[in-house]
PDB file of N, CA and C in Angstrom:
ATOM      1  N   MET A   1     -23.515 -58.725  47.908  1.00  0.00           N
ATOM      2  CA  MET A   1     -22.668 -58.451  49.030  1.00  0.00           C
ATOM      3  C   MET A   1     -23.140 -59.319  50.195  1.00  0.00           C
ATOM      4  N   LYS A   2     -22.194 -59.885  50.898  1.00  0.00           N
ATOM      5  CA  LYS A   2     -22.498 -60.744  52.033  1.00  0.00           C
ATOM      6  C   LYS A   2     -21.738 -60.211  53.240  1.00  0.00           C
ATOM      7  N   ALA A   3     -22.467 -59.798  54.276  1.00  0.00           N
ATOM      8  CA  ALA A   3     -21.855 -59.247  55.484  1.00  0.00           C
ATOM      9  C   ALA A   3     -21.875 -60.285  56.598  1.00  0.00           C
ATOM     10  N   ASN A   4     -20.731 -60.463  57.242  1.00  0.00           N
ATOM     11  CA  ASN A   4     -20.599 -61.416  58.339  1.00  0.00           C
ATOM     12  C   ASN A   4     -20.184 -60.653  59.595  1.00  0.00           C
ATOM     13  N   ALA A   5     -21.114 -60.424  60.484  1.00  0.00           N
ATOM     14  CA  ALA A   5     -20.838 -59.697  61.721  1.00  0.00           C
ATOM     15  C   ALA A   5     -20.447 -60.624  62.870  1.00  0.00           C
ATOM     16  N   THR A   6     -20.355 -61.920  62.596  1.00  0.00           N
ATOM     17  CA  THR A   6     -20.063 -62.888  63.652  1.00  0.00           C
ATOM     18  C   THR A   6     -18.559 -63.028  63.879  1.00  0.00           C
ATOM     19  N   GLU A   7     -18.200 -63.833  64.851  1.00  0.00           N
ATOM     20  CA  GLU A   7     -16.803 -64.121  65.166  1.00  0.00           C
ATOM     21  C   GLU A   7     -16.250 -65.307  64.360  1.00  0.00           C
ATOM     22  N   ASP A   8     -17.090 -65.928  63.548  1.00  0.00           N
ATOM     23  CA  ASP A   8     -16.716 -67.129  62.800  1.00  0.00           C
ATOM     24  C   ASP A   8     -16.665 -66.865  61.303  1.00  0.00           C
ATOM     25  N   ASP A   9     -15.732 -67.524  60.606  1.00  0.00           N
ATOM     26  CA  ASP A   9     -15.695 -67.482  59.150  1.00  0.00           C
ATOM     27  C   ASP A   9     -16.850 -68.316  58.602  1.00  0.00           C
ATOM     28  N   TRP A  10     -17.341 -67.938  57.412  1.00  0.00           N
ATOM     29  CA  TRP A  10     -18.415 -68.675  56.769  1.00  0.00           C
ATOM     30  C   TRP A  10     -17.926 -69.281  55.455  1.00  0.00           C
ATOM     31  N   SER A  11     -18.335 -70.501  55.184  1.00  0.00           N
ATOM     32  CA  SER A  11     -18.114 -71.144  53.888  1.00  0.00           C
ATOM     33  C   SER A  11     -19.432 -71.133  53.137  1.00  0.00           C
ATOM     34  N   MET A  12     -19.433 -70.478  51.991  1.00  0.00           N
ATOM     35  CA  MET A  12     -20.659 -70.316  51.213  1.00  0.00           C
ATOM     36  C   MET A  12     -20.571 -71.107  49.914  1.00  0.00           C
ATOM     37  N   THR A  13     -21.714 -71.666  49.492  1.00  0.00           N
ATOM     38  CA  THR A  13     -21.824 -72.292  48.181  1.00  0.00           C
ATOM     39  C   THR A  13     -22.945 -71.610  47.422  1.00  0.00           C
ATOM     40  N   VAL A  14     -22.808 -71.579  46.108  1.00  0.00           N
ATOM     41  CA  VAL A  14     -23.776 -70.886  45.254  1.00  0.00           C
ATOM     42  C   VAL A  14     -24.191 -71.815  44.124  1.00  0.00           C
ATOM     43  N   THR A  15     -25.495 -71.864  43.859  1.00  0.00           N
ATOM     44  CA  THR A  15     -26.011 -72.612  42.710  1.00  0.00           C
ATOM     45  C   THR A  15     -26.874 -71.687  41.869  1.00  0.00           C
ATOM     46  N   PHE A  16     -26.844 -71.925  40.562  1.00  0.00           N
ATOM     47  CA  PHE A  16     -27.668 -71.175  39.615  1.00  0.00           C
ATOM     48  C   PHE A  16     -28.590 -72.148  38.911  1.00  0.00           C
ATOM     49  N   SER A  17     -29.838 -71.759  38.724  1.00  0.00           N
ATOM     50  CA  SER A  17     -30.763 -72.554  37.906  1.00  0.00           C
ATOM     51  C   SER A  17     -31.522 -71.593  37.007  1.00  0.00           C
ATOM     52  N   GLY A  18     -31.630 -71.953  35.760  1.00  0.00           N
ATOM     53  CA  GLY A  18     -32.269 -71.072  34.792  1.00  0.00           C
ATOM     54  C   GLY A  18     -31.278 -70.696  33.707  1.00  0.00           C
ATOM     55  N   ASN A  19     -31.394 -69.490  33.207  1.00  0.00           N
ATOM     56  CA  ASN A  19     -30.581 -69.031  32.097  1.00  0.00           C
ATOM     57  C   ASN A  19     -29.099 -69.014  32.440  1.00  0.00           C
ATOM     58  N   LYS A  20     -28.273 -69.445  31.507  1.00  0.00           N
ATOM     59  CA  LYS A  20     -26.821 -69.548  31.718  1.00  0.00           C
ATOM     60  C   LYS A  20     -26.090 -68.214  31.547  1.00  0.00           C
ATOM     61  N   ALA A  21     -26.811 -67.123  31.287  1.00  0.00           N
ATOM     62  CA  ALA A  21     -26.167 -65.819  31.121  1.00  0.00           C
ATOM     63  C   ALA A  21     -25.646 -65.270  32.449  1.00  0.00           C
ATOM     64  N   PHE A  22     -26.145 -65.797  33.565  1.00  0.00           N
ATOM     65  CA  PHE A  22     -25.703 -65.365  34.888  1.00  0.00           C
ATOM     66  C   PHE A  22     -24.679 -66.357  35.425  1.00  0.00           C
ATOM     67  N   THR A  23     -23.542 -65.851  35.888  1.00  0.00           N
ATOM     68  CA  THR A  23     -22.504 -66.717  36.433  1.00  0.00           C
ATOM     69  C   THR A  23     -21.808 -66.036  37.617  1.00  0.00           C
ATOM     70  N   GLY A  24     -21.097 -66.840  38.359  1.00  0.00           N
ATOM     71  CA  GLY A  24     -20.309 -66.354  39.483  1.00  0.00           C
ATOM     72  C   GLY A  24     -19.614 -67.528  40.137  1.00  0.00           C
ATOM     73  N   PRO A  25     -18.752 -67.256  41.112  1.00  0.00           N
ATOM     74  CA  PRO A  25     -18.056 -68.343  41.802  1.00  0.00           C
ATOM     75  C   PRO A  25     -19.033 -69.324  42.444  1.00  0.00           C
ATOM     76  N   LYS A  26     -18.697 -70.603  42.386  1.00  0.00           N
ATOM     77  CA  LYS A  26     -19.548 -71.651  42.972  1.00  0.00           C
ATOM     78  C   LYS A  26     -19.386 -71.734  44.490  1.00  0.00           C
ATOM     79  N   SER A  27     -18.284 -71.191  45.002  1.00  0.00           N
ATOM     80  CA  SER A  27     -18.084 -71.166  46.457  1.00  0.00           C
ATOM     81  C   SER A  27     -17.190 -69.984  46.811  1.00  0.00           C
ATOM     82  N   PHE A  28     -17.322 -69.521  48.050  1.00  0.00           N
ATOM     83  CA  PHE A  28     -16.483 -68.443  48.546  1.00  0.00           C
ATOM     84  C   PHE A  28     -16.513 -68.459  50.066  1.00  0.00           C
ATOM     85  N   ARG A  29     -15.622 -67.698  50.643  1.00  0.00           N
ATOM     86  CA  ARG A  29     -15.505 -67.648  52.099  1.00  0.00           C
ATOM     87  C   ARG A  29     -15.682 -66.205  52.553  1.00  0.00           C
ATOM     88  N   VAL A  30     -16.462 -66.021  53.609  1.00  0.00           N
ATOM     89  CA  VAL A  30     -16.638 -64.701  54.204  1.00  0.00           C
ATOM     90  C   VAL A  30     -15.975 -64.748  55.574  1.00  0.00           C
ATOM     91  N   GLU A  31     -14.906 -64.011  55.716  1.00  0.00           N
ATOM     92  CA  GLU A  31     -14.183 -64.011  56.987  1.00  0.00           C
ATOM     93  C   GLU A  31     -14.996 -63.302  58.068  1.00  0.00           C
ATOM     94  N   ALA A  32     -14.715 -63.655  59.315  1.00  0.00           N
ATOM     95  CA  ALA A  32     -15.406 -63.056  60.458  1.00  0.00           C
ATOM     96  C   ALA A  32     -15.270 -61.533  60.425  1.00  0.00           C
ATOM     97  N   LYS A  33     -16.356 -60.846  60.780  1.00  0.00           N
ATOM     98  CA  LYS A  33     -16.382 -59.379  60.874  1.00  0.00           C
ATOM     99  C   LYS A  33     -15.931 -58.707  59.584  1.00  0.00           C
ATOM    100  N   SER A  34     -16.409 -59.245  58.451  1.00  0.00           N
ATOM    101  CA  SER A  34     -16.041 -58.655  57.159  1.00  0.00           C
ATOM    102  C   SER A  34     -17.223 -58.704  56.193  1.00  0.00           C
ATOM    103  N   VAL A  35     -17.005 -58.104  55.044  1.00  0.00           N
ATOM    104  CA  VAL A  35     -18.007 -58.075  53.979  1.00  0.00           C
ATOM    105  C   VAL A  35     -17.374 -58.646  52.716  1.00  0.00           C
ATOM    106  N   TYR A  36     -18.109 -59.504  52.022  1.00  0.00           N
ATOM    107  CA  TYR A  36     -17.646 -60.093  50.762  1.00  0.00           C
ATOM    108  C   TYR A  36     -18.511 -59.555  49.637  1.00  0.00           C
ATOM    109  N   GLN A  37     -17.886 -58.984  48.623  1.00  0.00           N
ATOM    110  CA  GLN A  37     -18.593 -58.478  47.452  1.00  0.00           C
ATOM    111  C   GLN A  37     -18.643 -59.596  46.417  1.00  0.00           C
ATOM    112  N   TYR A  38     -19.808 -60.205  46.217  1.00  0.00           N
ATOM    113  CA  TYR A  38     -19.936 -61.336  45.293  1.00  0.00           C
ATOM    114  C   TYR A  38     -19.879 -60.837  43.849  1.00  0.00           C
ATOM    115  N   PRO A  39     -18.972 -61.385  43.028  1.00  0.00           N
ATOM    116  CA  PRO A  39     -18.828 -60.927  41.640  1.00  0.00           C
ATOM    117  C   PRO A  39     -19.799 -61.620  40.677  1.00  0.00           C
ATOM    118  N   LEU A  40     -21.037 -61.209  40.676  1.00  0.00           N
ATOM    119  CA  LEU A  40     -22.050 -61.748  39.769  1.00  0.00           C
ATOM    120  C   LEU A  40     -21.824 -61.175  38.378  1.00  0.00           C
ATOM    121  N   THR A  41     -21.847 -62.047  37.368  1.00  0.00           N
ATOM    122  CA  THR A  41     -21.622 -61.626  35.982  1.00  0.00           C
ATOM    123  C   THR A  41     -22.851 -61.935  35.142  1.00  0.00           C
ATOM    124  N   PHE A  42     -23.230 -60.987  34.298  1.00  0.00           N
ATOM    125  CA  PHE A  42     -24.316 -61.166  33.339  1.00  0.00           C
ATOM    126  C   PHE A  42     -23.696 -61.049  31.950  1.00  0.00           C
ATOM    127  N   SER A  43     -23.659 -62.160  31.207  1.00  0.00           N
ATOM    128  CA  SER A  43     -23.016 -62.212  29.883  1.00  0.00           C
ATOM    129  C   SER A  43     -23.950 -62.836  28.858  1.00  0.00           C
ATOM    130  N   PRO A  44     -24.952 -62.091  28.406  1.00  0.00           N
ATOM    131  CA  PRO A  44     -25.875 -62.650  27.412  1.00  0.00           C
ATOM    132  C   PRO A  44     -25.201 -62.773  26.051  1.00  0.00           C
ATOM    133  N   GLN A  45     -25.620 -63.756  25.277  1.00  0.00           N
ATOM    134  CA  GLN A  45     -25.070 -63.985  23.945  1.00  0.00           C
ATOM    135  C   GLN A  45     -25.969 -63.439  22.837  1.00  0.00           C
ATOM    136  N   ILE A  46     -27.197 -63.055  23.203  1.00  0.00           N
ATOM    137  CA  ILE A  46     -28.148 -62.512  22.230  1.00  0.00           C
ATOM    138  C   ILE A  46     -28.891 -61.339  22.861  1.00  0.00           C
ATOM    139  N   GLU A  47     -29.512 -60.524  22.017  1.00  0.00           N
ATOM    140  CA  GLU A  47     -30.380 -59.453  22.512  1.00  0.00           C
ATOM    141  C   GLU A  47     -31.690 -60.074  22.958  1.00  0.00           C
ATOM    142  N   ASP A  48     -32.113 -59.747  24.163  1.00  0.00           N
ATOM    143  CA  ASP A  48     -33.372 -60.284  24.682  1.00  0.00           C
ATOM    144  C   ASP A  48     -33.683 -59.585  26.000  1.00  0.00           C
ATOM    145  N   ASP A  49     -34.932 -59.613  26.395  1.00  0.00           N
ATOM    146  CA  ASP A  49     -35.308 -59.047  27.692  1.00  0.00           C
ATOM    147  C   ASP A  49     -35.917 -60.107  28.604  1.00  0.00           C
ATOM    148  N   LYS A  50     -35.649 -61.374  28.310  1.00  0.00           N
ATOM    149  CA  LYS A  50     -36.277 -62.463  29.059  1.00  0.00           C
ATOM    150  C   LYS A  50     -35.262 -63.355  29.766  1.00  0.00           C
ATOM    151  N   PHE A  51     -34.128 -62.813  30.174  1.00  0.00           N
ATOM    152  CA  PHE A  51     -33.143 -63.599  30.903  1.00  0.00           C
ATOM    153  C   PHE A  51     -33.578 -63.718  32.353  1.00  0.00           C
ATOM    154  N   GLN A  52     -33.789 -64.946  32.820  1.00  0.00           N
ATOM    155  CA  GLN A  52     -34.192 -65.176  34.206  1.00  0.00           C
ATOM    156  C   GLN A  52     -33.392 -66.327  34.788  1.00  0.00           C
ATOM    157  N   CYS A  53     -33.072 -66.198  36.063  1.00  0.00           N
ATOM    158  CA  CYS A  53     -32.261 -67.205  36.731  1.00  0.00           C
ATOM    159  C   CYS A  53     -32.548 -67.127  38.228  1.00  0.00           C
ATOM    160  N   GLN A  54     -32.375 -68.227  38.892  1.00  0.00           N
ATOM    161  CA  GLN A  54     -32.476 -68.257  40.353  1.00  0.00           C
ATOM    162  C   GLN A  54     -31.094 -68.588  40.914  1.00  0.00           C
ATOM    163  N   MET A  55     -30.615 -67.725  41.802  1.00  0.00           N
ATOM    164  CA  MET A  55     -29.318 -67.925  42.444  1.00  0.00           C
ATOM    165  C   MET A  55     -29.563 -68.217  43.919  1.00  0.00           C
ATOM    166  N   THR A  56     -29.010 -69.331  44.399  1.00  0.00           N
ATOM    167  CA  THR A  56     -29.178 -69.722  45.798  1.00  0.00           C
ATOM    168  C   THR A  56     -27.822 -69.738  46.480  1.00  0.00           C
ATOM    169  N   MET A  57     -27.724 -69.002  47.601  1.00  0.00           N
ATOM    170  CA  MET A  57     -26.516 -68.988  48.416  1.00  0.00           C
ATOM    171  C   MET A  57     -26.790 -69.763  49.694  1.00  0.00           C
ATOM    172  N   ASN A  58     -25.923 -70.732  49.961  1.00  0.00           N
ATOM    173  CA  ASN A  58     -26.076 -71.555  51.148  1.00  0.00           C
ATOM    174  C   ASN A  58     -24.859 -71.376  52.054  1.00  0.00           C
ATOM    175  N   ASN A  59     -25.132 -71.069  53.322  1.00  0.00           N
ATOM    176  CA  ASN A  59     -24.068 -70.953  54.316  1.00  0.00           C
ATOM    177  C   ASN A  59     -23.897 -72.323  54.956  1.00  0.00           C
ATOM    178  N   ALA A  60     -22.798 -73.002  54.642  1.00  0.00           N
ATOM    179  CA  ALA A  60     -22.564 -74.353  55.154  1.00  0.00           C
ATOM    180  C   ALA A  60     -22.345 -74.369  56.663  1.00  0.00           C
ATOM    181  N   ASP A  61     -21.943 -73.247  57.241  1.00  0.00           N
ATOM    182  CA  ASP A  61     -21.647 -73.194  58.671  1.00  0.00           C
ATOM    183  C   ASP A  61     -22.880 -72.917  59.533  1.00  0.00           C
ATOM    184  N   THR A  62     -23.846 -72.179  59.002  1.00  0.00           N
ATOM    185  CA  THR A  62     -25.049 -71.853  59.783  1.00  0.00           C
ATOM    186  C   THR A  62     -26.290 -72.579  59.287  1.00  0.00           C
ATOM    187  N   GLY A  63     -26.232 -73.103  58.045  1.00  0.00           N
ATOM    188  CA  GLY A  63     -27.395 -73.760  57.452  1.00  0.00           C
ATOM    189  C   GLY A  63     -28.372 -72.772  56.827  1.00  0.00           C
ATOM    190  N   PHE A  64     -28.073 -71.480  56.863  1.00  0.00           N
ATOM    191  CA  PHE A  64     -28.956 -70.448  56.312  1.00  0.00           C
ATOM    192  C   PHE A  64     -28.834 -70.406  54.794  1.00  0.00           C
ATOM    193  N   THR A  65     -29.978 -70.331  54.109  1.00  0.00           N
ATOM    194  CA  THR A  65     -30.023 -70.273  52.649  1.00  0.00           C
ATOM    195  C   THR A  65     -30.800 -69.041  52.207  1.00  0.00           C
ATOM    196  N   GLN A  66     -30.271 -68.348  51.197  1.00  0.00           N
ATOM    197  CA  GLN A  66     -30.963 -67.211  50.587  1.00  0.00           C
ATOM    198  C   GLN A  66     -31.106 -67.482  49.097  1.00  0.00           C
ATOM    199  N   THR A  67     -32.277 -67.172  48.550  1.00  0.00           N
ATOM    200  CA  THR A  67     -32.530 -67.361  47.128  1.00  0.00           C
ATOM    201  C   THR A  67     -32.865 -66.010  46.503  1.00  0.00           C
ATOM    202  N   TYR A  68     -32.248 -65.739  45.379  1.00  0.00           N
ATOM    203  CA  TYR A  68     -32.456 -64.491  44.641  1.00  0.00           C
ATOM    204  C   TYR A  68     -32.995 -64.813  43.266  1.00  0.00           C
ATOM    205  N   ASN A  69     -34.012 -64.087  42.830  1.00  0.00           N
ATOM    206  CA  ASN A  69     -34.549 -64.213  41.483  1.00  0.00           C
ATOM    207  C   ASN A  69     -33.909 -63.118  40.639  1.00  0.00           C
ATOM    208  N   LEU A  70     -33.137 -63.524  39.641  1.00  0.00           N
ATOM    209  CA  LEU A  70     -32.401 -62.587  38.809  1.00  0.00           C
ATOM    210  C   LEU A  70     -33.096 -62.412  37.466  1.00  0.00           C
ATOM    211  N   ARG A  71     -33.095 -61.182  36.976  1.00  0.00           N
ATOM    212  CA  ARG A  71     -33.626 -60.876  35.647  1.00  0.00           C
ATOM    213  C   ARG A  71     -32.632 -59.992  34.936  1.00  0.00           C
ATOM    214  N   GLY A  72     -32.475 -60.219  33.647  1.00  0.00           N
ATOM    215  CA  GLY A  72     -31.551 -59.411  32.863  1.00  0.00           C
ATOM    216  C   GLY A  72     -32.140 -59.056  31.519  1.00  0.00           C
ATOM    217  N   LYS A  73     -31.646 -57.950  30.973  1.00  0.00           N
ATOM    218  CA  LYS A  73     -32.081 -57.492  29.657  1.00  0.00           C
ATOM    219  C   LYS A  73     -30.841 -57.100  28.871  1.00  0.00           C
ATOM    220  N   ALA A  74     -30.750 -57.573  27.639  1.00  0.00           N
ATOM    221  CA  ALA A  74     -29.613 -57.258  26.777  1.00  0.00           C
ATOM    222  C   ALA A  74     -30.112 -56.472  25.571  1.00  0.00           C
ATOM    223  N   ASP A  75     -29.707 -55.231  25.494  1.00  0.00           N
ATOM    224  CA  ASP A  75     -30.038 -54.377  24.357  1.00  0.00           C
ATOM    225  C   ASP A  75     -28.848 -54.295  23.418  1.00  0.00           C
ATOM    226  N   ARG A  76     -29.129 -53.888  22.208  1.00  0.00           N
ATOM    227  CA  ARG A  76     -28.043 -53.659  21.251  1.00  0.00           C
ATOM    228  C   ARG A  76     -27.228 -52.464  21.744  1.00  0.00           C
ATOM    229  N   GLY A  77     -25.951 -52.646  21.832  1.00  0.00           N
ATOM    230  CA  GLY A  77     -25.063 -51.573  22.273  1.00  0.00           C
ATOM    231  C   GLY A  77     -24.768 -50.587  21.161  1.00  0.00           C
ATOM    232  N   PRO A  78     -24.095 -49.499  21.507  1.00  0.00           N
ATOM    233  CA  PRO A  78     -23.726 -48.528  20.463  1.00  0.00           C
ATOM    234  C   PRO A  78     -22.665 -49.128  19.554  1.00  0.00           C
ATOM    235  N   PRO A  79     -22.540 -48.606  18.330  1.00  0.00           N
ATOM    236  CA  PRO A  79     -21.527 -49.138  17.414  1.00  0.00           C
ATOM    237  C   PRO A  79     -20.120 -48.924  17.988  1.00  0.00           C
ATOM    238  N   VAL A  80     -19.256 -49.894  17.736  1.00  0.00           N
ATOM    239  CA  VAL A  80     -17.893 -49.817  18.237  1.00  0.00           C
ATOM    240  C   VAL A  80     -17.039 -48.917  17.343  1.00  0.00           C
ATOM    241  N   ARG A  81     -17.240 -49.032  16.039  1.00  0.00           N
ATOM    242  CA  ARG A  81     -16.497 -48.197  15.090  1.00  0.00           C
ATOM    243  C   ARG A  81     -17.241 -48.140  13.789  1.00  0.00           C
ATOM    244  N   GLN A  82     -16.815 -47.257  12.919  1.00  0.00           N
ATOM    245  CA  GLN A  82     -17.441 -47.098  11.608  1.00  0.00           C
ATOM    246  C   GLN A  82     -16.601 -47.804  10.558  1.00  0.00           C
ATOM    247  N   LEU A  83     -17.244 -48.537   9.670  1.00  0.00           N
ATOM    248  CA  LEU A  83     -16.551 -49.221   8.585  1.00  0.00           C
ATOM    249  C   LEU A  83     -16.505 -48.292   7.385  1.00  0.00           C
ATOM    250  N   ASN A  84     -15.336 -48.138   6.816  1.00  0.00           N
ATOM    251  CA  ASN A  84     -15.174 -47.321   5.605  1.00  0.00           C
ATOM    252  C   ASN A  84     -14.932 -48.239   4.419  1.00  0.00           C
ATOM    253  N   SER A  85     -15.551 -47.910   3.302  1.00  0.00           N
ATOM    254  CA  SER A  85     -15.341 -48.748   2.101  1.00  0.00           C
ATOM    255  C   SER A  85     -14.400 -48.112   1.136  1.00  0.00           C
TER     256      SER A  85
END
């Protein structure tokens, strides 16, 4: 979530480095006096507990940068259905 309490709109860019299981929009805009809910997605292709990624958000209008260290774990889910023979 990105909160903008200022009178100016913000143009944000996002970069990911590390595991490709984490994704989201590469850029977004936060309007003045509003909150933007960033849609971060975790989509692992295998079971593992070692998913790591660094996500960096850069505000092109203020020059402010925030870096987040992301970790994910993918467990085997419950069975979807039973196979009958």
